[in-house]
Structures are given as C-alpha cells and as structure tokens.
C-alpha atoms as a PDB file:
ATOM      1  CA  MET A   1      58.141-111.014 -26.284  1.00  0.00           C
ATOM      2  CA  ALA A   2      60.873-113.661 -26.457  1.00  0.00           C
ATOM      3  CA  GLU A   3      58.319-116.449 -26.094  1.00  0.00           C
ATOM      4  CA  SER A   4      56.089-115.076 -28.904  1.00  0.00           C
ATOM      5  CA  ALA A   5      59.121-114.737 -31.180  1.00  0.00           C
ATOM      6  CA  ALA A   6      60.176-118.321 -30.482  1.00  0.00           C
ATOM      7  CA  CYS A   7      56.633-119.651 -30.841  1.00  0.00           C
ATOM      8  CA  PRO A   8      54.426-117.926 -33.450  1.00  0.00           C
ATOM      9  CA  ALA A   9      50.677-117.589 -33.035  1.00  0.00           C
ATOM     10  CA  PHE A  10      48.960-120.887 -33.783  1.00  0.00           C
ATOM     11  CA  GLN A  11      47.219-121.317 -37.154  1.00  0.00           C
ATOM     12  CA  LEU A  12      45.153-124.458 -37.642  1.00  0.00           C
ATOM     13  CA  GLY A  13      46.363-126.536 -40.568  1.00  0.00           C
ATOM     14  CA  LYS A  14      49.284-124.201 -41.299  1.00  0.00           C
ATOM     15  CA  PRO A  15      53.011-124.996 -40.894  1.00  0.00           C
ATOM     16  CA  ARG A  16      54.672-123.596 -37.785  1.00  0.00           C
ATOM     17  CA  TYR A  17      57.790-122.512 -39.695  1.00  0.00           C
ATOM     18  CA  ASP A  18      58.288-120.250 -42.726  1.00  0.00           C
ATOM     19  CA  GLN A  19      58.121-122.453 -45.834  1.00  0.00           C
ATOM     20  CA  SER A  20      59.755-119.889 -48.128  1.00  0.00           C
ATOM     21  CA  SER A  21      63.213-120.626 -46.673  1.00  0.00           C
ATOM     22  CA  PHE A  22      65.167-123.883 -46.688  1.00  0.00           C
ATOM     23  CA  LEU A  23      65.773-123.643 -42.920  1.00  0.00           C
ATOM     24  CA  GLY A  24      62.056-123.186 -42.257  1.00  0.00           C
ATOM     25  CA  ARG A  25      61.203-126.207 -44.404  1.00  0.00           C
ATOM     26  CA  LEU A  26      63.941-128.238 -42.691  1.00  0.00           C
ATOM     27  CA  LYS A  27      62.504-127.463 -39.244  1.00  0.00           C
ATOM     28  CA  HIS A  28      59.025-128.330 -40.530  1.00  0.00           C
ATOM     29  CA  PHE A  29      60.020-131.722 -41.937  1.00  0.00           C
ATOM     30  CA  VAL A  30      62.187-132.592 -38.918  1.00  0.00           C
ATOM     31  CA  GLU A  31      58.965-132.348 -36.890  1.00  0.00           C
ATOM     32  CA  ILE A  32      57.014-134.407 -39.415  1.00  0.00           C
ATOM     33  CA  ILE A  33      59.508-137.303 -39.300  1.00  0.00           C
ATOM     34  CA  ASP A  34      60.092-137.090 -35.512  1.00  0.00           C
ATOM     35  CA  PRO A  35      60.071-140.779 -34.427  1.00  0.00           C
ATOM     36  CA  SER A  36      58.970-139.868 -30.885  1.00  0.00           C
ATOM     37  CA  THR A  37      55.401-139.549 -32.230  1.00  0.00           C
ATOM     38  CA  LEU A  38      55.413-143.322 -32.794  1.00  0.00           C
ATOM     39  CA  PHE A  39      55.114-143.754 -29.021  1.00  0.00           C
ATOM     40  CA  VAL A  40      52.156-141.420 -28.490  1.00  0.00           C
ATOM     41  CA  SER A  41      49.424-143.156 -26.494  1.00  0.00           C
ATOM     42  CA  GLU A  42      45.800-143.400 -27.596  1.00  0.00           C
ATOM     43  CA  ARG A  43      44.833-141.146 -24.678  1.00  0.00           C
ATOM     44  CA  ARG A  44      47.340-138.464 -25.696  1.00  0.00           C
ATOM     45  CA  LEU A  45      46.159-138.597 -29.321  1.00  0.00           C
ATOM     46  CA  THR A  46      42.533-138.184 -28.236  1.00  0.00           C
ATOM     47  CA  GLU A  47      43.509-135.167 -26.101  1.00  0.00           C
ATOM     48  CA  CYS A  48      45.324-133.557 -29.067  1.00  0.00           C
ATOM     49  CA  ILE A  49      42.363-134.079 -31.412  1.00  0.00           C
ATOM     50  CA  LYS A  50      39.985-132.642 -28.795  1.00  0.00           C
ATOM     51  CA  LEU A  51      42.207-129.589 -28.220  1.00  0.00           C
ATOM     52  CA  LEU A  52      42.366-128.781 -31.955  1.00  0.00           C
ATOM     53  CA  ASP A  53      38.612-129.272 -32.280  1.00  0.00           C
ATOM     54  CA  GLU A  54      38.016-126.849 -29.400  1.00  0.00           C
ATOM     55  CA  PHE A  55      40.295-124.290 -31.076  1.00  0.00           C
ATOM     56  CA  LYS A  56      38.433-124.715 -34.377  1.00  0.00           C
ATOM     57  CA  HIS A  57      35.052-124.033 -32.747  1.00  0.00           C
ATOM     58  CA  GLY A  58      36.294-121.202 -30.504  1.00  0.00           C
ATOM     59  CA  LYS A  59      35.820-123.180 -27.283  1.00  0.00           C
ATOM     60  CA  LEU A  60      39.469-123.322 -26.209  1.00  0.00           C
ATOM     61  CA  PRO A  61      39.922-123.582 -22.408  1.00  0.00           C
ATOM     62  CA  PRO A  62      41.775-120.655 -20.784  1.00  0.00           C
ATOM     63  CA  GLY A  63      45.504-121.046 -20.246  1.00  0.00           C
ATOM     64  CA  VAL A  64      46.225-123.119 -23.374  1.00  0.00           C
ATOM     65  CA  SER A  65      49.413-121.809 -25.019  1.00  0.00           C
ATOM     66  CA  ASP A  66      50.326-121.603 -28.708  1.00  0.00           C
ATOM     67  CA  LEU A  67      53.111-124.105 -28.034  1.00  0.00           C
ATOM     68  CA  GLN A  68      50.586-126.656 -26.742  1.00  0.00           C
ATOM     69  CA  LEU A  69      48.466-126.169 -29.859  1.00  0.00           C
ATOM     70  CA  TRP A  70      51.480-126.581 -32.192  1.00  0.00           C
ATOM     71  CA  GLU A  71      52.444-129.783 -30.336  1.00  0.00           C
ATOM     72  CA  ALA A  72      48.879-131.096 -30.592  1.00  0.00           C
ATOM     73  CA  GLN A  73      48.849-130.437 -34.336  1.00  0.00           C
ATOM     74  CA  LYS A  74      52.260-132.097 -34.744  1.00  0.00           C
ATOM     75  CA  VAL A  75      51.039-135.269 -33.001  1.00  0.00           C
ATOM     76  CA  THR A  76      47.757-135.359 -34.918  1.00  0.00           C
ATOM     77  CA  GLN A  77      49.359-134.799 -38.326  1.00  0.00           C
ATOM     78  CA  ALA A  78      51.951-137.499 -37.651  1.00  0.00           C
ATOM     79  CA  ILE A  79      49.333-140.162 -36.911  1.00  0.00           C
ATOM     80  CA  ILE A  80      46.051-139.209 -38.624  1.00  0.00           C
ATOM     81  CA  HIS A  81      45.654-139.069 -42.415  1.00  0.00           C
ATOM     82  CA  PRO A  82      44.417-135.546 -43.265  1.00  0.00           C
ATOM     83  CA  ASP A  83      41.987-136.709 -45.967  1.00  0.00           C
ATOM     84  CA  THR A  84      40.586-139.984 -44.571  1.00  0.00           C
ATOM     85  CA  GLY A  85      40.746-139.076 -40.864  1.00  0.00           C
ATOM     86  CA  GLU A  86      42.026-142.584 -40.113  1.00  0.00           C
ATOM     87  CA  LYS A  87      45.177-143.641 -38.257  1.00  0.00           C
ATOM     88  CA  ILE A  88      48.133-144.508 -40.484  1.00  0.00           C
ATOM     89  CA  PHE A  89      49.701-147.902 -39.732  1.00  0.00           C
ATOM     90  CA  MET A  90      52.842-147.228 -37.655  1.00  0.00           C
ATOM     91  CA  PRO A  91      55.550-148.647 -40.025  1.00  0.00           C
ATOM     92  CA  PHE A  92      54.148-146.609 -42.919  1.00  0.00           C
ATOM     93  CA  ARG A  93      54.001-143.196 -41.226  1.00  0.00           C
ATOM     94  CA  MET A  94      56.569-140.587 -42.283  1.00  0.00           C
ATOM     95  CA  SER A  95      57.786-140.616 -38.663  1.00  0.00           C
ATOM     96  CA  GLY A  96      58.454-144.341 -39.020  1.00  0.00           C
ATOM     97  CA  TYR A  97      60.287-144.110 -42.347  1.00  0.00           C
ATOM     98  CA  VAL A  98      63.783-143.975 -40.808  1.00  0.00           C
ATOM     99  CA  PRO A  99      63.315-146.493 -37.937  1.00  0.00           C
ATOM    100  CA  PHE A 100      61.597-149.098 -40.130  1.00  0.00           C
ATOM    101  CA  GLY A 101      63.595-148.311 -43.284  1.00  0.00           C
ATOM    102  CA  THR A 102      67.094-148.468 -41.780  1.00  0.00           C
ATOM    103  CA  PRO A 103      67.201-152.316 -41.477  1.00  0.00           C
ATOM    104  CA  ILE A 104      66.330-152.500 -45.181  1.00  0.00           C
ATOM    105  CA  VAL A 105      69.114-150.030 -46.046  1.00  0.00           C
ATOM    106  CA  VAL A 106      71.563-152.158 -44.026  1.00  0.00           C
ATOM    107  CA  GLY A 107      70.428-155.243 -45.956  1.00  0.00           C
ATOM    108  CA  LEU A 108      70.816-153.487 -49.315  1.00  0.00           C
ATOM    109  CA  LEU A 109      74.382-152.476 -48.430  1.00  0.00           C
ATOM    110  CA  LEU A 110      75.579-155.836 -47.116  1.00  0.00           C
ATOM    111  CA  PRO A 111      78.766-156.983 -48.913  1.00  0.00           C
ATOM    112  CA  ASN A 112      79.027-160.121 -51.060  1.00  0.00           C
ATOM    113  CA  GLN A 113      75.400-160.097 -52.178  1.00  0.00           C
ATOM    114  CA  THR A 114      74.064-163.078 -54.123  1.00  0.00           C
ATOM    115  CA  VAL A 115      71.475-162.719 -56.887  1.00  0.00           C
ATOM    116  CA  VAL A 116      68.774-164.033 -54.530  1.00  0.00           C
ATOM    117  CA  SER A 117      69.687-161.648 -51.698  1.00  0.00           C
ATOM    118  CA  THR A 118      69.857-158.705 -54.133  1.00  0.00           C
ATOM    119  CA  ILE A 119      66.377-159.484 -55.438  1.00  0.00           C
ATOM    120  CA  PHE A 120      65.006-159.936 -51.899  1.00  0.00           C
ATOM    121  CA  TRP A 121      66.334-156.646 -50.482  1.00  0.00           C
ATOM    122  CA  GLN A 122      65.373-154.615 -53.564  1.00  0.00           C
ATOM    123  CA  TRP A 123      61.869-156.124 -53.474  1.00  0.00           C
ATOM    124  CA  LEU A 124      61.528-155.447 -49.729  1.00  0.00           C
ATOM    125  CA  ASN A 125      62.730-151.848 -50.153  1.00  0.00           C
ATOM    126  CA  GLN A 126      60.299-151.060 -52.967  1.00  0.00           C
ATOM    127  CA  SER A 127      57.453-152.801 -51.096  1.00  0.00           C
ATOM    128  CA  HIS A 128      58.125-150.619 -48.053  1.00  0.00           C
ATOM    129  CA  ASN A 129      58.304-147.488 -50.240  1.00  0.00           C
ATOM    130  CA  ALA A 130      55.033-148.395 -51.964  1.00  0.00           C
ATOM    131  CA  CYS A 131      53.264-148.871 -48.619  1.00  0.00           C
ATOM    132  CA  VAL A 132      54.578-145.521 -47.334  1.00  0.00           C
ATOM    133  CA  ASN A 133      53.520-143.777 -50.572  1.00  0.00           C
ATOM    134  CA  TYR A 134      50.034-145.314 -50.440  1.00  0.00           C
ATOM    135  CA  SER A 135      49.519-144.624 -46.738  1.00  0.00           C
ATOM    136  CA  ASN A 136      50.497-140.946 -47.168  1.00  0.00           C
ATOM    137  CA  ARG A 137      48.796-140.429 -50.534  1.00  0.00           C
ATOM    138  CA  ASN A 138      46.579-137.507 -51.483  1.00  0.00           C
ATOM    139  CA  ALA A 139      43.145-139.070 -50.903  1.00  0.00           C
ATOM    140  CA  THR A 140      41.022-136.064 -51.884  1.00  0.00           C
ATOM    141  CA  LYS A 141      40.422-137.695 -55.264  1.00  0.00           C
ATOM    142  CA  PRO A 142      39.874-141.457 -55.693  1.00  0.00           C
ATOM    143  CA  THR A 143      42.846-143.104 -57.382  1.00  0.00           C
ATOM    144  CA  PRO A 144      42.458-146.550 -58.996  1.00  0.00           C
ATOM    145  CA  THR A 145      44.306-149.384 -57.267  1.00  0.00           C
ATOM    146  CA  SER A 146      45.744-150.272 -60.685  1.00  0.00           C
ATOM    147  CA  THR A 147      47.716-146.997 -60.632  1.00  0.00           C
ATOM    148  CA  PHE A 148      49.480-147.947 -57.415  1.00  0.00           C
ATOM    149  CA  LEU A 149      50.075-151.500 -58.658  1.00  0.00           C
ATOM    150  CA  GLN A 150      51.652-150.114 -61.855  1.00  0.00           C
ATOM    151  CA  GLY A 151      53.991-147.950 -59.807  1.00  0.00           C
ATOM    152  CA  TYR A 152      54.840-150.817 -57.467  1.00  0.00           C
ATOM    153  CA  PHE A 153      55.597-153.434 -60.128  1.00  0.00           C
ATOM    154  CA  GLY A 154      57.421-150.886 -62.289  1.00  0.00           C
ATOM    155  CA  ALA A 155      59.643-149.849 -59.377  1.00  0.00           C
ATOM    156  CA  VAL A 156      60.377-153.449 -58.335  1.00  0.00           C
ATOM    157  CA  THR A 157      61.167-154.482 -61.911  1.00  0.00           C
ATOM    158  CA  SER A 158      63.494-151.548 -62.589  1.00  0.00           C
ATOM    159  CA  ALA A 159      65.295-151.861 -59.215  1.00  0.00           C
ATOM    160  CA  VAL A 160      65.812-155.629 -59.424  1.00  0.00           C
ATOM    161  CA  SER A 161      66.816-155.716 -63.096  1.00  0.00           C
ATOM    162  CA  LEU A 162      69.341-152.883 -62.749  1.00  0.00           C
ATOM    163  CA  ALA A 163      70.836-154.186 -59.486  1.00  0.00           C
ATOM    164  CA  VAL A 164      71.158-157.772 -60.752  1.00  0.00           C
ATOM    165  CA  GLY A 165      72.455-156.633 -64.152  1.00  0.00           C
ATOM    166  CA  LEU A 166      75.160-154.418 -62.639  1.00  0.00           C
ATOM    167  CA  ASN A 167      76.179-157.152 -60.202  1.00  0.00           C
ATOM    168  CA  VAL A 168      76.625-159.645 -63.048  1.00  0.00           C
ATOM    169  CA  LEU A 169      78.665-157.138 -65.082  1.00  0.00           C
ATOM    170  CA  ILE A 170      80.992-156.385 -62.166  1.00  0.00           C
ATOM    171  CA  GLN A 171      81.514-160.066 -61.389  1.00  0.00           C
ATOM    172  CA  LYS A 172      82.617-160.563 -64.992  1.00  0.00           C
ATOM    173  CA  ALA A 173      84.999-157.595 -64.861  1.00  0.00           C
ATOM    174  CA  ASN A 174      88.225-159.556 -64.332  1.00  0.00           C
ATOM    175  CA  ARG A 175      90.435-156.472 -64.569  1.00  0.00           C
ATOM    176  CA  LEU A 176      89.097-155.070 -61.293  1.00  0.00           C
ATOM    177  CA  SER A 177      90.904-155.897 -58.052  1.00  0.00           C
ATOM    178  CA  PRO A 178      88.815-157.657 -55.354  1.00  0.00           C
ATOM    179  CA  ALA A 179      88.848-154.514 -53.169  1.00  0.00           C
ATOM    180  CA  THR A 180      87.685-152.263 -56.034  1.00  0.00           C
ATOM    181  CA  ARG A 181      85.043-154.795 -57.061  1.00  0.00           C
ATOM    182  CA  MET A 182      83.649-154.891 -53.503  1.00  0.00           C
ATOM    183  CA  ILE A 183      83.423-151.089 -53.245  1.00  0.00           C
ATOM    184  CA  ILE A 184      81.648-150.834 -56.623  1.00  0.00           C
ATOM    185  CA  GLN A 185      79.264-153.642 -55.674  1.00  0.00           C
ATOM    186  CA  ARG A 186      78.367-151.776 -52.493  1.00  0.00           C
ATOM    187  CA  LEU A 187      77.500-148.683 -54.552  1.00  0.00           C
ATOM    188  CA  ILE A 188      75.130-150.585 -56.877  1.00  0.00           C
ATOM    189  CA  PRO A 189      72.018-150.037 -54.685  1.00  0.00           C
ATOM    190  CA  PHE A 190      72.096-146.278 -55.367  1.00  0.00           C
ATOM    191  CA  PRO A 191      71.484-146.301 -59.158  1.00  0.00           C
ATOM    192  CA  ALA A 192      69.027-149.182 -58.716  1.00  0.00           C
ATOM    193  CA  VAL A 193      66.984-147.412 -56.032  1.00  0.00           C
ATOM    194  CA  ALA A 194      67.200-143.978 -57.721  1.00  0.00           C
ATOM    195  CA  SER A 195      65.940-145.332 -61.054  1.00  0.00           C
ATOM    196  CA  ALA A 196      63.184-147.259 -59.292  1.00  0.00           C
ATOM    197  CA  ASN A 197      62.101-144.101 -57.435  1.00  0.00           C
ATOM    198  CA  ILE A 198      61.833-142.155 -60.713  1.00  0.00           C
ATOM    199  CA  CYS A 199      59.880-145.028 -62.255  1.00  0.00           C
ATOM    200  CA  ASN A 200      57.611-145.202 -59.214  1.00  0.00           C
ATOM    201  CA  VAL A 201      56.822-141.465 -59.285  1.00  0.00           C
ATOM    202  CA  GLY A 202      56.258-141.473 -63.043  1.00  0.00           C
ATOM    203  CA  LEU A 203      53.922-144.480 -63.072  1.00  0.00           C
ATOM    204  CA  MET A 204      51.956-143.619 -59.941  1.00  0.00           C
ATOM    205  CA  ARG A 205      51.387-139.988 -60.873  1.00  0.00           C
ATOM    206  CA  HIS A 206      51.186-140.112 -64.686  1.00  0.00           C
ATOM    207  CA  ASN A 207      47.441-139.403 -64.534  1.00  0.00           C
ATOM    208  CA  GLU A 208      48.282-135.937 -63.133  1.00  0.00           C
ATOM    209  CA  LEU A 209      49.938-135.066 -66.465  1.00  0.00           C
ATOM    210  CA  SER A 210      46.658-135.655 -68.302  1.00  0.00           C
ATOM    211  CA  GLU A 211      44.258-134.365 -65.621  1.00  0.00           C
ATOM    212  CA  GLY A 212      46.433-131.674 -63.996  1.00  0.00           C
ATOM    213  CA  VAL A 213      46.697-130.668 -60.336  1.00  0.00           C
ATOM    214  CA  ASN A 214      44.703-128.034 -58.508  1.00  0.00           C
ATOM    215  CA  VAL A 215      46.299-124.576 -58.314  1.00  0.00           C
ATOM    216  CA  LEU A 216      45.255-122.215 -55.523  1.00  0.00           C
ATOM    217  CA  ASP A 217      45.218-118.442 -55.147  1.00  0.00           C
ATOM    218  CA  GLU A 218      46.553-116.595 -52.088  1.00  0.00           C
ATOM    219  CA  ASN A 219      43.272-117.245 -50.229  1.00  0.00           C
ATOM    220  CA  GLY A 220      43.345-120.988 -50.884  1.00  0.00           C
ATOM    221  CA  ASN A 221      40.619-120.894 -53.551  1.00  0.00           C
ATOM    222  CA  ILE A 222      40.948-123.436 -56.372  1.00  0.00           C
ATOM    223  CA  LEU A 223      41.465-121.688 -59.708  1.00  0.00           C
ATOM    224  CA  GLY A 224      41.487-124.840 -61.818  1.00  0.00           C
ATOM    225  CA  SER A 225      43.603-127.848 -62.767  1.00  0.00           C
ATOM    226  CA  SER A 226      46.957-127.222 -64.434  1.00  0.00           C
ATOM    227  CA  LYS A 227      48.934-129.791 -66.434  1.00  0.00           C
ATOM    228  CA  ILE A 228      51.952-127.465 -66.410  1.00  0.00           C
ATOM    229  CA  ALA A 229      51.908-127.304 -62.592  1.00  0.00           C
ATOM    230  CA  ALA A 230      51.563-131.103 -62.545  1.00  0.00           C
ATOM    231  CA  LYS A 231      54.702-131.428 -64.670  1.00  0.00           C
ATOM    232  CA  HIS A 232      56.610-129.171 -62.251  1.00  0.00           C
ATOM    233  CA  ALA A 233      55.298-131.145 -59.257  1.00  0.00           C
ATOM    234  CA  ILE A 234      56.360-134.507 -60.690  1.00  0.00           C
ATOM    235  CA  MET A 235      59.798-133.233 -61.748  1.00  0.00           C
ATOM    236  CA  GLU A 236      60.449-131.738 -58.292  1.00  0.00           C
ATOM    237  CA  THR A 237      59.316-134.944 -56.564  1.00  0.00           C
ATOM    238  CA  ALA A 238      61.417-137.130 -58.870  1.00  0.00           C
ATOM    239  CA  PHE A 239      64.490-134.941 -58.257  1.00  0.00           C
ATOM    240  CA  THR A 240      63.958-135.261 -54.499  1.00  0.00           C
ATOM    241  CA  ARG A 241      63.658-139.057 -54.822  1.00  0.00           C
ATOM    242  CA  VAL A 242      67.042-139.150 -56.613  1.00  0.00           C
ATOM    243  CA  VAL A 243      68.776-136.880 -54.086  1.00  0.00           C
ATOM    244  CA  LEU A 244      67.393-138.775 -51.065  1.00  0.00           C
ATOM    245  CA  PRO A 245      69.111-142.161 -51.636  1.00  0.00           C
ATOM    246  CA  MET A 246      72.397-140.558 -52.754  1.00  0.00           C
ATOM    247  CA  PRO A 247      73.980-140.046 -49.304  1.00  0.00           C
ATOM    248  CA  ILE A 248      72.157-143.063 -47.851  1.00  0.00           C
ATOM    249  CA  PHE A 249      73.640-145.523 -50.357  1.00  0.00           C
ATOM    250  CA  VAL A 250      76.911-143.756 -51.212  1.00  0.00           C
ATOM    251  CA  LEU A 251      78.322-142.544 -47.881  1.00  0.00           C
ATOM    252  CA  PRO A 252      78.035-145.767 -45.781  1.00  0.00           C
ATOM    253  CA  PRO A 253      80.064-147.917 -48.253  1.00  0.00           C
ATOM    254  CA  ILE A 254      82.788-145.249 -48.410  1.00  0.00           C
ATOM    255  CA  ILE A 255      82.837-144.792 -44.626  1.00  0.00           C
ATOM    256  CA  MET A 256      82.839-148.552 -43.980  1.00  0.00           C
ATOM    257  CA  SER A 257      85.697-149.139 -46.459  1.00  0.00           C
ATOM    258  CA  TYR A 258      87.853-146.960 -44.171  1.00  0.00           C
ATOM    259  CA  LEU A 259      86.501-148.246 -40.858  1.00  0.00           C
ATOM    260  CA  GLU A 260      87.055-151.869 -41.830  1.00  0.00           C
ATOM    261  CA  LYS A 261      90.796-151.190 -42.037  1.00  0.00           C
ATOM    262  CA  LEU A 262      90.957-150.108 -38.391  1.00  0.00           C
ATOM    263  CA  PRO A 263      92.793-152.582 -36.110  1.00  0.00           C
ATOM    264  CA  LEU A 264      89.801-152.733 -33.736  1.00  0.00           C
ATOM    265  CA  LEU A 265      87.466-153.967 -36.472  1.00  0.00           C
ATOM    266  CA  GLN A 266      90.147-156.211 -37.983  1.00  0.00           C
ATOM    267  CA  MET A 267      90.339-158.009 -34.639  1.00  0.00           C
ATOM    268  CA  ASN A 268      86.589-157.899 -33.856  1.00  0.00           C
ATOM    269  CA  ARG A 269      84.696-158.704 -37.060  1.00  0.00           C
ATOM    270  CA  ARG A 270      81.455-159.100 -35.077  1.00  0.00           C
ATOM    271  CA  LEU A 271      81.386-155.321 -34.590  1.00  0.00           C
ATOM    272  CA  LEU A 272      81.103-154.715 -38.352  1.00  0.00           C
ATOM    273  CA  LEU A 273      77.335-155.231 -38.606  1.00  0.00           C
ATOM    274  CA  PRO A 274      76.325-153.040 -35.611  1.00  0.00           C
ATOM    275  CA  ILE A 275      78.717-150.249 -36.691  1.00  0.00           C
ATOM    276  CA  HIS A 276      77.460-150.536 -40.273  1.00  0.00           C
ATOM    277  CA  SER A 277      73.896-150.263 -38.956  1.00  0.00           C
ATOM    278  CA  LEU A 278      74.732-147.132 -36.929  1.00  0.00           C
ATOM    279  CA  VAL A 279      76.390-145.493 -39.950  1.00  0.00           C
ATOM    280  CA  CYS A 280      73.299-146.249 -42.079  1.00  0.00           C
ATOM    281  CA  LEU A 281      70.963-144.925 -39.365  1.00  0.00           C
ATOM    282  CA  ALA A 282      72.958-141.681 -39.053  1.00  0.00           C
ATOM    283  CA  THR A 283      73.077-141.000 -42.813  1.00  0.00           C
ATOM    284  CA  PHE A 284      69.393-141.910 -43.257  1.00  0.00           C
ATOM    285  CA  SER A 285      68.339-139.641 -40.364  1.00  0.00           C
ATOM    286  CA  LEU A 286      70.277-136.693 -41.805  1.00  0.00           C
ATOM    287  CA  SER A 287      69.428-137.276 -45.474  1.00  0.00           C
ATOM    288  CA  LEU A 288      65.647-137.594 -45.238  1.00  0.00           C
ATOM    289  CA  PRO A 289      64.804-134.123 -43.857  1.00  0.00           C
ATOM    290  CA  LEU A 290      67.469-132.459 -46.031  1.00  0.00           C
ATOM    291  CA  ALA A 291      66.154-134.067 -49.233  1.00  0.00           C
ATOM    292  CA  ILE A 292      62.447-133.409 -48.682  1.00  0.00           C
ATOM    293  CA  SER A 293      63.232-129.814 -47.666  1.00  0.00           C
ATOM    294  CA  LEU A 294      64.650-128.952 -51.105  1.00  0.00           C
ATOM    295  CA  PHE A 295      61.217-127.821 -52.285  1.00  0.00           C
ATOM    296  CA  PRO A 296      58.198-126.645 -50.261  1.00  0.00           C
ATOM    297  CA  GLN A 297      55.335-129.142 -50.257  1.00  0.00           C
ATOM    298  CA  MET A 298      53.052-126.289 -51.321  1.00  0.00           C
ATOM    299  CA  SER A 299      55.156-124.983 -54.221  1.00  0.00           C
ATOM    300  CA  GLN A 300      54.613-121.748 -56.107  1.00  0.00           C
ATOM    301  CA  ILE A 301      54.577-120.957 -59.804  1.00  0.00           C
ATOM    302  CA  GLU A 302      54.035-117.731 -61.733  1.00  0.00           C
ATOM    303  CA  VAL A 303      50.617-117.438 -63.361  1.00  0.00           C
ATOM    304  CA  SER A 304      52.268-116.332 -66.619  1.00  0.00           C
ATOM    305  CA  GLN A 305      53.754-119.847 -66.958  1.00  0.00           C
ATOM    306  CA  LEU A 306      50.370-121.585 -66.695  1.00  0.00           C
ATOM    307  CA  GLU A 307      47.532-122.249 -69.134  1.00  0.00           C
ATOM    308  CA  PRO A 308      45.768-119.109 -70.476  1.00  0.00           C
ATOM    309  CA  GLU A 309      42.389-120.078 -68.964  1.00  0.00           C
ATOM    310  CA  ILE A 310      43.912-120.137 -65.468  1.00  0.00           C
ATOM    311  CA  ALA A 311      45.800-116.870 -66.008  1.00  0.00           C
ATOM    312  CA  MET A 312      42.527-115.205 -67.040  1.00  0.00           C
ATOM    313  CA  ALA A 313      40.724-116.473 -63.921  1.00  0.00           C
ATOM    314  CA  THR A 314      42.844-114.559 -61.397  1.00  0.00           C
ATOM    315  CA  ASP A 315      44.708-111.323 -60.783  1.00  0.00           C
ATOM    316  CA  CYS A 316      47.360-113.115 -58.717  1.00  0.00           C
ATOM    317  CA  LYS A 317      50.934-113.058 -59.974  1.00  0.00           C
ATOM    318  CA  VAL A 318      51.803-116.355 -58.237  1.00  0.00           C
ATOM    319  CA  VAL A 319      49.700-119.428 -57.394  1.00  0.00           C
ATOM    320  CA  THR A 320      50.432-122.509 -55.286  1.00  0.00           C
ATOM    321  CA  TYR A 321      50.066-126.264 -55.837  1.00  0.00           C
ATOM    322  CA  ASN A 322      50.636-129.370 -53.728  1.00  0.00           C
ATOM    323  CA  LYS A 323      53.917-130.905 -54.909  1.00  0.00           C
ATOM    324  CA  GLY A 324      53.506-133.999 -52.744  1.00  0.00           C
ATOM    325  CA  LEU A 325      56.303-135.818 -50.930  1.00  0.00           C
END
C-alpha cells in the first residue's frame, strides 16, 4: 500500500503528480528540468521508447512496475519532442536550460561591463532563449519562420537597447558613489531581460490572439479555438517570464556585494569568479522550477468567460488549454 501511495498507477502521456497544486506542479517540473537526463545513452532511450510502446499496445512484459514506466516516460519526454518525434538538441532541452544557461547568466552579471560586452551577453542570452523556445515549441500547427525571427530580433533589440541605455545613464550619474553605481549596474540585466522576455512572448505568440488556442473538455475533446483563452495563456506565460529572471539577476549581485567584503575574498580575488558562478548556478536551479510552477501548463478557465459559441458547444463548467512554457 505504501508503494502504491508513493507511486501512482501509470498513465501514458499524463503527469505523475497532481497539477492542481503548486507542490504537484513543482515536483513535475523538477523532473522535466532534471539535468541527469542529458547523460542518458542511446540504448537507454531506445529501451524507454520500447517500454512505453509495449504499454500502449497492451504487450507489457510481466514484472514491469509503475515506477519503471514513469521513469521511462520522464526520459522520453526530456529528449524527444512530443509533436515531431525527433530528438531535441542537448543544449536546447529544458533539462539543459540551467547547465547551458548558467555561464550566460554569469557573463551578464560580470561587473564593469563595457558597451560591447553588454551587447554580446544580451545577444547571446536572447539567442539561447530563442533556440530553447523554438526547440520546445508547439509543433502541432505549422508556424512561419518569420514569427520566430520577429520574436528573436524584437527580444534582442529590446534587451540590448535597454541594457546599454541604462548603463550610459548610470555612468553619467555623477552623484552616485562608485559602490552604489556598481551595485545598480549589476542589477541592470534584470529589467533588460524581463522586458525582452515579454517582447519575445508577445511577438512570437501574437498570432494566437487572432486565431485563438484550442480549448478541451474533460475528456480531451477539442471544443474550438478561443481568443480569450489565448489572451490568458499569453499573460500567464509573460508573467512567468518576468518572475523567472527576478531572483536570477537580483539575488547574485546582492549576495556577491556582501561576499566580496569578506577577508578571504579580499585576499584571494581569483576566487570571485568561481564563487560568483556557484551563486548564479544555485539561484538559477531554484528559480526555474519555482517560476514555471506558478501556473499549470494545462490551465483551466470557466466556460462562462469564453466566447458564446464555445459555451454553447459543451455542458462542462470548466475547460482546459495549453498555456505553454
């Protein structure tokens, strides 16, 4: 009984944890971004795909536990795109977001940035984000390449212009002490990245506002496309993209401003970069699952809030839609 309570009965394509609670969503997304799946061998991946296929067709070998099936699904979902069936390039998987993104965060937060270095790190960050977004996109409907290019160039432009503009303003602020100026300069990446994330979401998903997103009943049947649900989905995603960089780009500068005053680091300046990197890695690792757990990926909305034609097509009180990540 204890084992069944700890490990629920396997359901193909369904989350292992309850998505109606924040804790359930947190556990779910911690598994999705688990970096250990980056080291799964080709043989292990093939075994996981085969096991899930056998379960789907009712040919599961005896002795296979629910835990083994959940693990197989975790590995498969981390590596294989659900719509295309193709492997996602390792640096652009959700499980690779923290390991491959942390060096960029460290670069963005380096002190004494020049205009050139600011432009480079902001460009690299938005390029990495764009590749992750594209690699994990909803591919059920064809999306023009121009849409992704609009989002990419819009995000790069907004991030670079805001970061450079704020840097120039602070450098001209003669009333600020050098210490205060350095702390403020270290905080500049947050508004730059947050605004770029909003711009990226808005530009890449603006077609959803005119076409709508599919809403599903309790049995997973498509009831129609809703522009109102699309608006909710984009607003929830944009809010998540603002919350995510907040601790990543705010906490490390504050923590480092205190650590740098310690006698150990005053005497050993070479330790600053590795300690800074560890602080960034820790905040990034904690922030990512917390931020994307704020809303369930399959969000719910009351039918009474949707378009009349959708409300008339079902007796359900609540329908679901894919918010996206």
